[in-house]
PDB file of N, CA and C in Angstrom:
ATOM      1  N   MET A   1      94.330 -26.203  26.628  1.00  0.00           N
ATOM      2  CA  MET A   1      95.155 -27.371  26.395  1.00  0.00           C
ATOM      3  C   MET A   1      94.674 -28.069  25.122  1.00  0.00           C
ATOM      4  N   ALA A   2      95.607 -28.503  24.308  1.00  0.00           N
ATOM      5  CA  ALA A   2      95.265 -29.147  23.042  1.00  0.00           C
ATOM      6  C   ALA A   2      95.516 -30.652  23.125  1.00  0.00           C
ATOM      7  N   ARG A   3      94.722 -31.378  22.388  1.00  0.00           N
ATOM      8  CA  ARG A   3      94.873 -32.834  22.282  1.00  0.00           C
ATOM      9  C   ARG A   3      95.115 -33.164  20.815  1.00  0.00           C
ATOM     10  N   GLU A   4      96.063 -34.039  20.554  1.00  0.00           N
ATOM     11  CA  GLU A   4      96.301 -34.501  19.190  1.00  0.00           C
ATOM     12  C   GLU A   4      95.656 -35.866  19.023  1.00  0.00           C
ATOM     13  N   MET A   5      95.003 -36.056  17.895  1.00  0.00           N
ATOM     14  CA  MET A   5      94.318 -37.315  17.617  1.00  0.00           C
ATOM     15  C   MET A   5      94.671 -37.743  16.197  1.00  0.00           C
ATOM     16  N   GLU A   6      94.917 -39.044  16.014  1.00  0.00           N
ATOM     17  CA  GLU A   6      95.262 -39.561  14.695  1.00  0.00           C
ATOM     18  C   GLU A   6      94.053 -40.194  14.026  1.00  0.00           C
ATOM     19  N   PHE A   7      93.989 -39.991  12.718  1.00  0.00           N
ATOM     20  CA  PHE A   7      92.922 -40.530  11.884  1.00  0.00           C
ATOM     21  C   PHE A   7      93.558 -41.252  10.700  1.00  0.00           C
ATOM     22  N   ARG A   8      92.882 -42.277  10.218  1.00  0.00           N
ATOM     23  CA  ARG A   8      93.358 -43.016   9.045  1.00  0.00           C
ATOM     24  C   ARG A   8      92.565 -42.573   7.819  1.00  0.00           C
ATOM     25  N   MET A   9      93.297 -42.130   6.787  1.00  0.00           N
ATOM     26  CA  MET A   9      92.686 -41.674   5.536  1.00  0.00           C
ATOM     27  C   MET A   9      93.151 -42.612   4.421  1.00  0.00           C
ATOM     28  N   GLU A  10      92.231 -43.074   3.598  1.00  0.00           N
ATOM     29  CA  GLU A  10      92.574 -44.052   2.573  1.00  0.00           C
ATOM     30  C   GLU A  10      92.662 -43.483   1.163  1.00  0.00           C
ATOM     31  N   ARG A  11      92.414 -42.181   1.005  1.00  0.00           N
ATOM     32  CA  ARG A  11      92.559 -41.529  -0.309  1.00  0.00           C
ATOM     33  C   ARG A  11      93.384 -40.265  -0.117  1.00  0.00           C
ATOM     34  N   ASP A  12      94.322 -40.043  -1.002  1.00  0.00           N
ATOM     35  CA  ASP A  12      95.223 -38.893  -0.905  1.00  0.00           C
ATOM     36  C   ASP A  12      94.552 -37.611  -1.400  1.00  0.00           C
ATOM     37  N   GLY A  13      94.963 -36.494  -0.822  1.00  0.00           N
ATOM     38  CA  GLY A  13      94.568 -35.192  -1.338  1.00  0.00           C
ATOM     39  C   GLY A  13      93.218 -34.669  -0.884  1.00  0.00           C
ATOM     40  N   LEU A  14      92.554 -35.320   0.059  1.00  0.00           N
ATOM     41  CA  LEU A  14      91.232 -34.871   0.490  1.00  0.00           C
ATOM     42  C   LEU A  14      91.315 -33.649   1.406  1.00  0.00           C
ATOM     43  N   ILE A  15      92.380 -33.574   2.202  1.00  0.00           N
ATOM     44  CA  ILE A  15      92.615 -32.429   3.080  1.00  0.00           C
ATOM     45  C   ILE A  15      94.110 -32.148   3.110  1.00  0.00           C
ATOM     46  N   GLN A  16      94.477 -30.982   3.646  1.00  0.00           N
ATOM     47  CA  GLN A  16      95.882 -30.603   3.727  1.00  0.00           C
ATOM     48  C   GLN A  16      96.194 -30.088   5.121  1.00  0.00           C
ATOM     49  N   ALA A  17      97.476 -30.084   5.467  1.00  0.00           N
ATOM     50  CA  ALA A  17      97.901 -29.523   6.746  1.00  0.00           C
ATOM     51  C   ALA A  17      97.446 -28.069   6.810  1.00  0.00           C
ATOM     52  N   GLY A  18      96.925 -27.685   7.968  1.00  0.00           N
ATOM     53  CA  GLY A  18      96.425 -26.332   8.168  1.00  0.00           C
ATOM     54  C   GLY A  18      94.925 -26.194   7.971  1.00  0.00           C
ATOM     55  N   ASP A  19      94.285 -27.200   7.353  1.00  0.00           N
ATOM     56  CA  ASP A  19      92.831 -27.154   7.141  1.00  0.00           C
ATOM     57  C   ASP A  19      92.086 -27.276   8.466  1.00  0.00           C
ATOM     58  N   HIS A  20      90.996 -26.530   8.591  1.00  0.00           N
ATOM     59  CA  HIS A  20      90.093 -26.665   9.722  1.00  0.00           C
ATOM     60  C   HIS A  20      89.103 -27.773   9.376  1.00  0.00           C
ATOM     61  N   VAL A  21      88.896 -28.733  10.309  1.00  0.00           N
ATOM     62  CA  VAL A  21      88.004 -29.862  10.036  1.00  0.00           C
ATOM     63  C   VAL A  21      86.956 -29.988  11.129  1.00  0.00           C
ATOM     64  N   GLU A  22      85.808 -30.510  10.760  1.00  0.00           N
ATOM     65  CA  GLU A  22      84.713 -30.819  11.678  1.00  0.00           C
ATOM     66  C   GLU A  22      84.722 -32.322  11.914  1.00  0.00           C
ATOM     67  N   LEU A  23      84.402 -32.739  13.152  1.00  0.00           N
ATOM     68  CA  LEU A  23      84.397 -34.146  13.511  1.00  0.00           C
ATOM     69  C   LEU A  23      82.993 -34.613  13.868  1.00  0.00           C
ATOM     70  N   LYS A  24      82.736 -35.887  13.585  1.00  0.00           N
ATOM     71  CA  LYS A  24      81.471 -36.525  13.954  1.00  0.00           C
ATOM     72  C   LYS A  24      81.793 -37.620  14.961  1.00  0.00           C
ATOM     73  N   GLU A  25      81.035 -37.661  16.063  1.00  0.00           N
ATOM     74  CA  GLU A  25      81.257 -38.664  17.106  1.00  0.00           C
ATOM     75  C   GLU A  25      80.274 -39.817  16.961  1.00  0.00           C
ATOM     76  N   ASP A  26      80.785 -41.033  17.126  1.00  0.00           N
ATOM     77  CA  ASP A  26      79.955 -42.231  17.172  1.00  0.00           C
ATOM     78  C   ASP A  26      80.416 -43.067  18.354  1.00  0.00           C
ATOM     79  N   THR A  27      79.571 -43.999  18.782  1.00  0.00           N
ATOM     80  CA  THR A  27      79.925 -44.873  19.897  1.00  0.00           C
ATOM     81  C   THR A  27      79.784 -46.333  19.496  1.00  0.00           C
ATOM     82  N   ALA A  28      80.546 -47.159  20.202  1.00  0.00           N
ATOM     83  CA  ALA A  28      80.466 -48.604  20.020  1.00  0.00           C
ATOM     84  C   ALA A  28      80.419 -49.237  21.405  1.00  0.00           C
ATOM     85  N   ASN A  29      79.465 -50.127  21.626  1.00  0.00           N
ATOM     86  CA  ASN A  29      79.392 -50.868  22.880  1.00  0.00           C
ATOM     87  C   ASN A  29      80.268 -52.102  22.747  1.00  0.00           C
ATOM     88  N   THR A  30      81.296 -52.183  23.587  1.00  0.00           N
ATOM     89  CA  THR A  30      82.236 -53.298  23.525  1.00  0.00           C
ATOM     90  C   THR A  30      82.303 -53.992  24.876  1.00  0.00           C
ATOM     91  N   MET A  31      83.045 -55.078  24.945  1.00  0.00           N
ATOM     92  CA  MET A  31      83.242 -55.787  26.212  1.00  0.00           C
ATOM     93  C   MET A  31      83.958 -54.886  27.222  1.00  0.00           C
ATOM     94  N   ALA A  32      84.740 -53.924  26.727  1.00  0.00           N
ATOM     95  CA  ALA A  32      85.481 -53.000  27.593  1.00  0.00           C
ATOM     96  C   ALA A  32      84.637 -51.794  27.991  1.00  0.00           C
ATOM     97  N   GLY A  33      83.396 -51.733  27.524  1.00  0.00           N
ATOM     98  CA  GLY A  33      82.522 -50.604  27.822  1.00  0.00           C
ATOM     99  C   GLY A  33      82.274 -49.767  26.585  1.00  0.00           C
ATOM    100  N   ILE A  34      81.760 -48.578  26.786  1.00  0.00           N
ATOM    101  CA  ILE A  34      81.474 -47.690  25.653  1.00  0.00           C
ATOM    102  C   ILE A  34      82.768 -47.099  25.136  1.00  0.00           C
ATOM    103  N   MET A  35      82.965 -47.224  23.834  1.00  0.00           N
ATOM    104  CA  MET A  35      84.128 -46.648  23.162  1.00  0.00           C
ATOM    105  C   MET A  35      83.632 -45.580  22.201  1.00  0.00           C
ATOM    106  N   TYR A  36      84.429 -44.556  22.013  1.00  0.00           N
ATOM    107  CA  TYR A  36      84.101 -43.470  21.097  1.00  0.00           C
ATOM    108  C   TYR A  36      85.025 -43.551  19.893  1.00  0.00           C
ATOM    109  N   TYR A  37      84.501 -43.209  18.728  1.00  0.00           N
ATOM    110  CA  TYR A  37      85.348 -43.055  17.549  1.00  0.00           C
ATOM    111  C   TYR A  37      84.834 -41.865  16.767  1.00  0.00           C
ATOM    112  N   TYR A  38      85.747 -41.257  16.039  1.00  0.00           N
ATOM    113  CA  TYR A  38      85.456 -39.990  15.388  1.00  0.00           C
ATOM    114  C   TYR A  38      85.787 -40.067  13.907  1.00  0.00           C
ATOM    115  N   THR A  39      84.993 -39.372  13.116  1.00  0.00           N
ATOM    116  CA  THR A  39      85.186 -39.298  11.679  1.00  0.00           C
ATOM    117  C   THR A  39      85.357 -37.842  11.296  1.00  0.00           C
ATOM    118  N   ILE A  40      86.363 -37.568  10.446  1.00  0.00           N
ATOM    119  CA  ILE A  40      86.485 -36.229   9.886  1.00  0.00           C
ATOM    120  C   ILE A  40      85.409 -36.119   8.825  1.00  0.00           C
ATOM    121  N   LYS A  41      84.514 -35.126   8.986  1.00  0.00           N
ATOM    122  CA  LYS A  41      83.410 -34.958   8.031  1.00  0.00           C
ATOM    123  C   LYS A  41      83.961 -34.548   6.678  1.00  0.00           C
ATOM    124  N   ASP A  42      83.434 -34.942   5.656  1.00  0.00           N
ATOM    125  CA  ASP A  42      82.408 -35.906   5.339  1.00  0.00           C
ATOM    126  C   ASP A  42      83.067 -37.212   4.916  1.00  0.00           C
ATOM    127  N   ALA A  43      83.257 -38.094   5.865  1.00  0.00           N
ATOM    128  CA  ALA A  43      83.842 -39.426   5.660  1.00  0.00           C
ATOM    129  C   ALA A  43      85.238 -39.370   5.047  1.00  0.00           C
ATOM    130  N   ILE A  44      86.054 -38.419   5.495  1.00  0.00           N
ATOM    131  CA  ILE A  44      87.413 -38.271   4.967  1.00  0.00           C
ATOM    132  C   ILE A  44      88.369 -39.240   5.635  1.00  0.00           C
ATOM    133  N   ALA A  45      88.288 -39.360   6.965  1.00  0.00           N
ATOM    134  CA  ALA A  45      89.191 -40.235   7.710  1.00  0.00           C
ATOM    135  C   ALA A  45      88.528 -40.626   9.027  1.00  0.00           C
ATOM    136  N   MET A  46      88.973 -41.762   9.609  1.00  0.00           N
ATOM    137  CA  MET A  46      88.370 -42.262  10.846  1.00  0.00           C
ATOM    138  C   MET A  46      89.447 -42.521  11.898  1.00  0.00           C
ATOM    139  N   SER A  47      89.092 -42.254  13.160  1.00  0.00           N
ATOM    140  CA  SER A  47      90.005 -42.505  14.272  1.00  0.00           C
ATOM    141  C   SER A  47      89.886 -43.947  14.740  1.00  0.00           C
ATOM    142  N   ASN A  48      90.812 -44.340  15.603  1.00  0.00           N
ATOM    143  CA  ASN A  48      90.680 -45.605  16.322  1.00  0.00           C
ATOM    144  C   ASN A  48      89.669 -45.411  17.443  1.00  0.00           C
ATOM    145  N   ASN A  49      89.249 -46.501  18.068  1.00  0.00           N
ATOM    146  CA  ASN A  49      88.363 -46.408  19.228  1.00  0.00           C
ATOM    147  C   ASN A  49      89.132 -45.839  20.417  1.00  0.00           C
ATOM    148  N   THR A  50      88.460 -45.018  21.216  1.00  0.00           N
ATOM    149  CA  THR A  50      89.073 -44.437  22.411  1.00  0.00           C
ATOM    150  C   THR A  50      88.028 -44.367  23.519  1.00  0.00           C
ATOM    151  N   LYS A  51      88.472 -44.487  24.746  1.00  0.00           N
ATOM    152  CA  LYS A  51      87.549 -44.357  25.879  1.00  0.00           C
ATOM    153  C   LYS A  51      87.315 -42.896  26.232  1.00  0.00           C
ATOM    154  N   LYS A  52      88.210 -42.009  25.755  1.00  0.00           N
ATOM    155  CA  LYS A  52      88.116 -40.595  26.108  1.00  0.00           C
ATOM    156  C   LYS A  52      87.215 -39.858  25.126  1.00  0.00           C
ATOM    157  N   LYS A  53      86.169 -39.262  25.654  1.00  0.00           N
ATOM    158  CA  LYS A  53      85.210 -38.505  24.853  1.00  0.00           C
ATOM    159  C   LYS A  53      85.748 -37.092  24.621  1.00  0.00           C
ATOM    160  N   LEU A  54      85.610 -36.613  23.400  1.00  0.00           N
ATOM    161  CA  LEU A  54      86.017 -35.237  23.093  1.00  0.00           C
ATOM    162  C   LEU A  54      84.952 -34.257  23.557  1.00  0.00           C
ATOM    163  N   HIS A  55      85.370 -33.061  23.919  1.00  0.00           N
ATOM    164  CA  HIS A  55      84.435 -32.011  24.311  1.00  0.00           C
ATOM    165  C   HIS A  55      84.140 -31.066  23.155  1.00  0.00           C
ATOM    166  N   ARG A  56      85.047 -31.025  22.185  1.00  0.00           N
ATOM    167  CA  ARG A  56      84.852 -30.195  20.982  1.00  0.00           C
ATOM    168  C   ARG A  56      84.937 -31.090  19.765  1.00  0.00           C
ATOM    169  N   PHE A  57      84.228 -30.722  18.732  1.00  0.00           N
ATOM    170  CA  PHE A  57      84.174 -31.544  17.529  1.00  0.00           C
ATOM    171  C   PHE A  57      84.717 -30.798  16.314  1.00  0.00           C
ATOM    172  N   ASP A  58      85.825 -30.091  16.516  1.00  0.00           N
ATOM    173  CA  ASP A  58      86.518 -29.442  15.406  1.00  0.00           C
ATOM    174  C   ASP A  58      87.988 -29.325  15.771  1.00  0.00           C
ATOM    175  N   GLY A  59      88.819 -29.133  14.756  1.00  0.00           N
ATOM    176  CA  GLY A  59      90.250 -29.012  14.993  1.00  0.00           C
ATOM    177  C   GLY A  59      90.975 -28.601  13.734  1.00  0.00           C
ATOM    178  N   THR A  60      92.285 -28.581  13.830  1.00  0.00           N
ATOM    179  CA  THR A  60      93.139 -28.176  12.713  1.00  0.00           C
ATOM    180  C   THR A  60      94.068 -29.329  12.362  1.00  0.00           C
ATOM    181  N   VAL A  61      94.185 -29.609  11.062  1.00  0.00           N
ATOM    182  CA  VAL A  61      95.079 -30.668  10.597  1.00  0.00           C
ATOM    183  C   VAL A  61      96.517 -30.205  10.827  1.00  0.00           C
ATOM    184  N   LYS A  62      97.239 -30.959  11.637  1.00  0.00           N
ATOM    185  CA  LYS A  62      98.622 -30.611  11.964  1.00  0.00           C
ATOM    186  C   LYS A  62      99.592 -31.237  10.958  1.00  0.00           C
ATOM    187  N   SER A  63      99.345 -32.504  10.592  1.00  0.00           N
ATOM    188  CA  SER A  63     100.226 -33.173   9.636  1.00  0.00           C
ATOM    189  C   SER A  63      99.505 -34.322   8.957  1.00  0.00           C
ATOM    190  N   ILE A  64     100.058 -34.726   7.810  1.00  0.00           N
ATOM    191  CA  ILE A  64      99.571 -35.896   7.079  1.00  0.00           C
ATOM    192  C   ILE A  64     100.801 -36.695   6.665  1.00  0.00           C
ATOM    193  N   GLU A  65     100.861 -37.954   7.108  1.00  0.00           N
ATOM    194  CA  GLU A  65     102.005 -38.806   6.809  1.00  0.00           C
ATOM    195  C   GLU A  65     101.565 -40.002   5.979  1.00  0.00           C
ATOM    196  N   ALA A  66     102.281 -40.246   4.891  1.00  0.00           N
ATOM    197  CA  ALA A  66     101.950 -41.352   3.996  1.00  0.00           C
ATOM    198  C   ALA A  66     102.554 -42.653   4.492  1.00  0.00           C
ATOM    199  N   SER A  67     101.759 -43.733   4.386  1.00  0.00           N
ATOM    200  CA  SER A  67     102.232 -45.095   4.606  1.00  0.00           C
ATOM    201  C   SER A  67     102.087 -45.817   3.276  1.00  0.00           C
ATOM    202  N   GLU A  68     102.260 -47.126   3.266  1.00  0.00           N
ATOM    203  CA  GLU A  68     102.168 -47.861   2.006  1.00  0.00           C
ATOM    204  C   GLU A  68     100.786 -47.786   1.370  1.00  0.00           C
ATOM    205  N   SER A  69      99.725 -47.906   2.175  1.00  0.00           N
ATOM    206  CA  SER A  69      98.388 -47.965   1.579  1.00  0.00           C
ATOM    207  C   SER A  69      97.386 -47.001   2.210  1.00  0.00           C
ATOM    208  N   TYR A  70      97.847 -46.132   3.118  1.00  0.00           N
ATOM    209  CA  TYR A  70      96.947 -45.164   3.741  1.00  0.00           C
ATOM    210  C   TYR A  70      97.756 -43.974   4.249  1.00  0.00           C
ATOM    211  N   TRP A  71      97.064 -42.950   4.711  1.00  0.00           N
ATOM    212  CA  TRP A  71      97.693 -41.742   5.235  1.00  0.00           C
ATOM    213  C   TRP A  71      97.236 -41.555   6.678  1.00  0.00           C
ATOM    214  N   THR A  72      98.140 -41.146   7.545  1.00  0.00           N
ATOM    215  CA  THR A  72      97.806 -40.850   8.930  1.00  0.00           C
ATOM    216  C   THR A  72      97.682 -39.337   9.067  1.00  0.00           C
ATOM    217  N   VAL A  73      96.484 -38.901   9.453  1.00  0.00           N
ATOM    218  CA  VAL A  73      96.189 -37.485   9.621  1.00  0.00           C
ATOM    219  C   VAL A  73      96.205 -37.173  11.110  1.00  0.00           C
ATOM    220  N   THR A  74      97.009 -36.217  11.525  1.00  0.00           N
ATOM    221  CA  THR A  74      97.035 -35.790  12.922  1.00  0.00           C
ATOM    222  C   THR A  74      96.294 -34.476  13.021  1.00  0.00           C
ATOM    223  N   VAL A  75      95.266 -34.467  13.902  1.00  0.00           N
ATOM    224  CA  VAL A  75      94.440 -33.287  14.094  1.00  0.00           C
ATOM    225  C   VAL A  75      94.648 -32.773  15.517  1.00  0.00           C
ATOM    226  N   GLU A  76      94.843 -31.464  15.642  1.00  0.00           N
ATOM    227  CA  GLU A  76      94.984 -30.836  16.949  1.00  0.00           C
ATOM    228  C   GLU A  76      93.614 -30.274  17.348  1.00  0.00           C
ATOM    229  N   ILE A  77      93.143 -30.688  18.530  1.00  0.00           N
ATOM    230  CA  ILE A  77      91.816 -30.308  19.009  1.00  0.00           C
ATOM    231  C   ILE A  77      91.990 -29.554  20.321  1.00  0.00           C
ATOM    232  N   GLU A  78      91.506 -28.339  20.386  1.00  0.00           N
ATOM    233  CA  GLU A  78      91.564 -27.553  21.617  1.00  0.00           C
ATOM    234  C   GLU A  78      90.500 -28.072  22.584  1.00  0.00           C
ATOM    235  N   GLU A  79      90.908 -28.327  23.826  1.00  0.00           N
ATOM    236  CA  GLU A  79      89.937 -28.823  24.810  1.00  0.00           C
ATOM    237  C   GLU A  79      89.804 -27.845  25.947  1.00  0.00           C
TER     238      GLU A  79
END
């Protein structure tokens, strides 16, 4: 089963759809408990906080969508 996760990228052209990416996991202690957030190595894009921990730290870039000042990268992660 695959999970799709969105990342925010602030510079264009760092990765492309179809690229294999490695992820780095970090945690934040919040009032809601431990939250996880992920970064596409090496500091290419960052996810939002999530309570769901990933079991794998790699995936494939499915799409990149441009907004006014950033790009949304969707990564498919096999779990």
